[in-house]
């Protein structure tokens, strides 16, 4: 059965809080679950509109790799890049928000 782990959530949030704000970014929509021998992590990264795609992708990759290192298990990390300013206008429906931010 798929399940989330509060200790894993805390570690993931710590990485996100350490790495996103210094770049002017934020995050939301964090979900994670363990399926067999793999941990799946998904979140949205929100960047200021002027951020280049290259810069956003570089930070997203750094965060993904750090989460994988921190958790020390087989981990698949998926990030979704968005802009801070028009996030709510772009999405006509609310995202799944399992964990309060």
C-alpha atoms as a PDB file:
ATOM      1  CA  UNK A   1       0.000   0.000   0.000  1.00  0.00           C
ATOM      2  CA  UNK A   2       1.210   3.541  -0.756  1.00  0.00           C
ATOM      3  CA  UNK A   3       1.890   5.623   2.305  1.00  0.00           C
ATOM      4  CA  UNK A   4       3.536   8.862   3.388  1.00  0.00           C
ATOM      5  CA  UNK A   5       5.976   9.145   6.280  1.00  0.00           C
ATOM      6  CA  UNK A   6       5.966  12.225   8.572  1.00  0.00           C
ATOM      7  CA  UNK A   7       9.739  11.991   9.175  1.00  0.00           C
ATOM      8  CA  UNK A   8      10.405  11.900   5.431  1.00  0.00           C
ATOM      9  CA  UNK A   9       8.083  14.873   4.949  1.00  0.00           C
ATOM     10  CA  UNK A  10      10.031  16.850   7.558  1.00  0.00           C
ATOM     11  CA  UNK A  11      13.348  16.126   5.806  1.00  0.00           C
ATOM     12  CA  UNK A  12      11.978  17.082   2.387  1.00  0.00           C
ATOM     13  CA  UNK A  13      10.490  20.330   3.719  1.00  0.00           C
ATOM     14  CA  UNK A  14      13.803  21.179   5.373  1.00  0.00           C
ATOM     15  CA  UNK A  15      15.609  20.917   2.029  1.00  0.00           C
ATOM     16  CA  UNK A  16      12.934  22.963   0.269  1.00  0.00           C
ATOM     17  CA  UNK A  17      13.009  25.677   2.952  1.00  0.00           C
ATOM     18  CA  UNK A  18      16.796  25.867   2.852  1.00  0.00           C
ATOM     19  CA  UNK A  19      17.132  26.014  -0.927  1.00  0.00           C
ATOM     20  CA  UNK A  20      14.070  27.718  -2.441  1.00  0.00           C
ATOM     21  CA  UNK A  21      13.770  31.052  -0.554  1.00  0.00           C
ATOM     22  CA  UNK A  22      17.391  32.203  -1.133  1.00  0.00           C
ATOM     23  CA  UNK A  23      16.641  32.013  -4.874  1.00  0.00           C
ATOM     24  CA  UNK A  24      13.406  33.984  -4.427  1.00  0.00           C
ATOM     25  CA  UNK A  25      11.374  30.818  -4.947  1.00  0.00           C
ATOM     26  CA  UNK A  26       8.632  29.174  -2.931  1.00  0.00           C
ATOM     27  CA  UNK A  27       7.022  25.724  -2.972  1.00  0.00           C
ATOM     28  CA  UNK A  28       3.713  24.006  -2.398  1.00  0.00           C
ATOM     29  CA  UNK A  29       1.837  20.854  -3.324  1.00  0.00           C
ATOM     30  CA  UNK A  30       4.327  18.517  -1.658  1.00  0.00           C
ATOM     31  CA  UNK A  31       3.335  14.867  -1.901  1.00  0.00           C
ATOM     32  CA  UNK A  32       5.349  11.765  -1.177  1.00  0.00           C
ATOM     33  CA  UNK A  33       4.713   8.084  -0.907  1.00  0.00           C
ATOM     34  CA  UNK A  34       6.578   4.846  -0.616  1.00  0.00           C
ATOM     35  CA  UNK A  35       5.808   2.113  -3.118  1.00  0.00           C
ATOM     36  CA  UNK A  36       7.794  -1.039  -2.514  1.00  0.00           C
ATOM     37  CA  UNK A  37      11.471  -0.089  -2.595  1.00  0.00           C
ATOM     38  CA  UNK A  38      10.989   3.380  -4.131  1.00  0.00           C
ATOM     39  CA  UNK A  39      10.112   6.685  -2.507  1.00  0.00           C
ATOM     40  CA  UNK A  40       8.229   9.070  -4.812  1.00  0.00           C
ATOM     41  CA  UNK A  41       8.376  12.816  -4.125  1.00  0.00           C
ATOM     42  CA  UNK A  42       6.496  15.520  -6.009  1.00  0.00           C
ATOM     43  CA  UNK A  43       6.203  19.280  -5.418  1.00  0.00           C
ATOM     44  CA  UNK A  44       5.674  22.567  -7.213  1.00  0.00           C
ATOM     45  CA  UNK A  45       8.376  25.245  -7.237  1.00  0.00           C
ATOM     46  CA  UNK A  46       7.201  28.815  -7.742  1.00  0.00           C
ATOM     47  CA  UNK A  47       9.661  31.323  -9.206  1.00  0.00           C
ATOM     48  CA  UNK A  48       9.484  35.086  -9.752  1.00  0.00           C
ATOM     49  CA  UNK A  49       8.304  35.799 -13.313  1.00  0.00           C
ATOM     50  CA  UNK A  50      11.660  37.189 -14.402  1.00  0.00           C
ATOM     51  CA  UNK A  51      13.502  33.963 -13.581  1.00  0.00           C
ATOM     52  CA  UNK A  52      14.956  32.339 -16.673  1.00  0.00           C
ATOM     53  CA  UNK A  53      13.968  28.784 -17.458  1.00  0.00           C
ATOM     54  CA  UNK A  54      17.639  27.843 -17.235  1.00  0.00           C
ATOM     55  CA  UNK A  55      17.953  29.259 -13.715  1.00  0.00           C
ATOM     56  CA  UNK A  56      14.669  27.680 -12.560  1.00  0.00           C
ATOM     57  CA  UNK A  57      15.621  24.297 -13.988  1.00  0.00           C
ATOM     58  CA  UNK A  58      19.096  24.451 -12.450  1.00  0.00           C
ATOM     59  CA  UNK A  59      17.692  25.113  -8.978  1.00  0.00           C
ATOM     60  CA  UNK A  60      14.997  22.459  -9.400  1.00  0.00           C
ATOM     61  CA  UNK A  61      17.650  19.899 -10.352  1.00  0.00           C
ATOM     62  CA  UNK A  62      19.826  20.869  -7.382  1.00  0.00           C
ATOM     63  CA  UNK A  63      16.865  20.493  -5.020  1.00  0.00           C
ATOM     64  CA  UNK A  64      15.858  17.155  -6.541  1.00  0.00           C
ATOM     65  CA  UNK A  65      19.410  15.796  -6.238  1.00  0.00           C
ATOM     66  CA  UNK A  66      19.753  17.013  -2.644  1.00  0.00           C
ATOM     67  CA  UNK A  67      16.491  15.356  -1.634  1.00  0.00           C
ATOM     68  CA  UNK A  68      17.713  12.116  -3.177  1.00  0.00           C
ATOM     69  CA  UNK A  69      20.997  12.348  -1.246  1.00  0.00           C
ATOM     70  CA  UNK A  70      19.305  13.317   2.033  1.00  0.00           C
ATOM     71  CA  UNK A  71      16.848  10.448   1.972  1.00  0.00           C
ATOM     72  CA  UNK A  72      19.512   7.866   1.125  1.00  0.00           C
ATOM     73  CA  UNK A  73      17.096   5.427  -0.447  1.00  0.00           C
ATOM     74  CA  UNK A  74      15.869   4.832  -3.978  1.00  0.00           C
ATOM     75  CA  UNK A  75      14.012   8.106  -4.572  1.00  0.00           C
ATOM     76  CA  UNK A  76      12.276   9.546  -7.635  1.00  0.00           C
ATOM     77  CA  UNK A  77      11.755  13.312  -7.372  1.00  0.00           C
ATOM     78  CA  UNK A  78       9.480  15.278  -9.690  1.00  0.00           C
ATOM     79  CA  UNK A  79       9.230  19.058  -9.547  1.00  0.00           C
ATOM     80  CA  UNK A  80       6.769  21.232 -11.426  1.00  0.00           C
ATOM     81  CA  UNK A  81       7.937  24.784 -12.218  1.00  0.00           C
ATOM     82  CA  UNK A  82       5.510  27.701 -12.011  1.00  0.00           C
ATOM     83  CA  UNK A  83       5.565  31.472 -11.672  1.00  0.00           C
ATOM     84  CA  UNK A  84       4.727  33.104  -8.350  1.00  0.00           C
ATOM     85  CA  UNK A  85       2.813  36.083  -9.717  1.00  0.00           C
ATOM     86  CA  UNK A  86       0.226  34.377 -11.930  1.00  0.00           C
ATOM     87  CA  UNK A  87       0.046  30.976 -10.294  1.00  0.00           C
ATOM     88  CA  UNK A  88      -3.604  31.261  -9.217  1.00  0.00           C
ATOM     89  CA  UNK A  89      -4.721  32.789 -12.509  1.00  0.00           C
ATOM     90  CA  UNK A  90      -3.123  30.015 -14.563  1.00  0.00           C
ATOM     91  CA  UNK A  91      -4.761  27.205 -12.606  1.00  0.00           C
ATOM     92  CA  UNK A  92      -8.528  27.209 -12.908  1.00  0.00           C
ATOM     93  CA  UNK A  93      -8.812  24.377 -10.378  1.00  0.00           C
ATOM     94  CA  UNK A  94      -7.083  23.991  -7.038  1.00  0.00           C
ATOM     95  CA  UNK A  95      -4.164  21.611  -6.878  1.00  0.00           C
ATOM     96  CA  UNK A  96      -4.186  18.627  -4.655  1.00  0.00           C
ATOM     97  CA  UNK A  97      -2.930  20.032  -1.351  1.00  0.00           C
ATOM     98  CA  UNK A  98      -2.450  17.105   0.983  1.00  0.00           C
ATOM     99  CA  UNK A  99      -0.065  18.759   3.409  1.00  0.00           C
ATOM    100  CA  UNK A 100      -0.628  22.293   4.732  1.00  0.00           C
ATOM    101  CA  UNK A 101       2.206  24.712   4.037  1.00  0.00           C
END
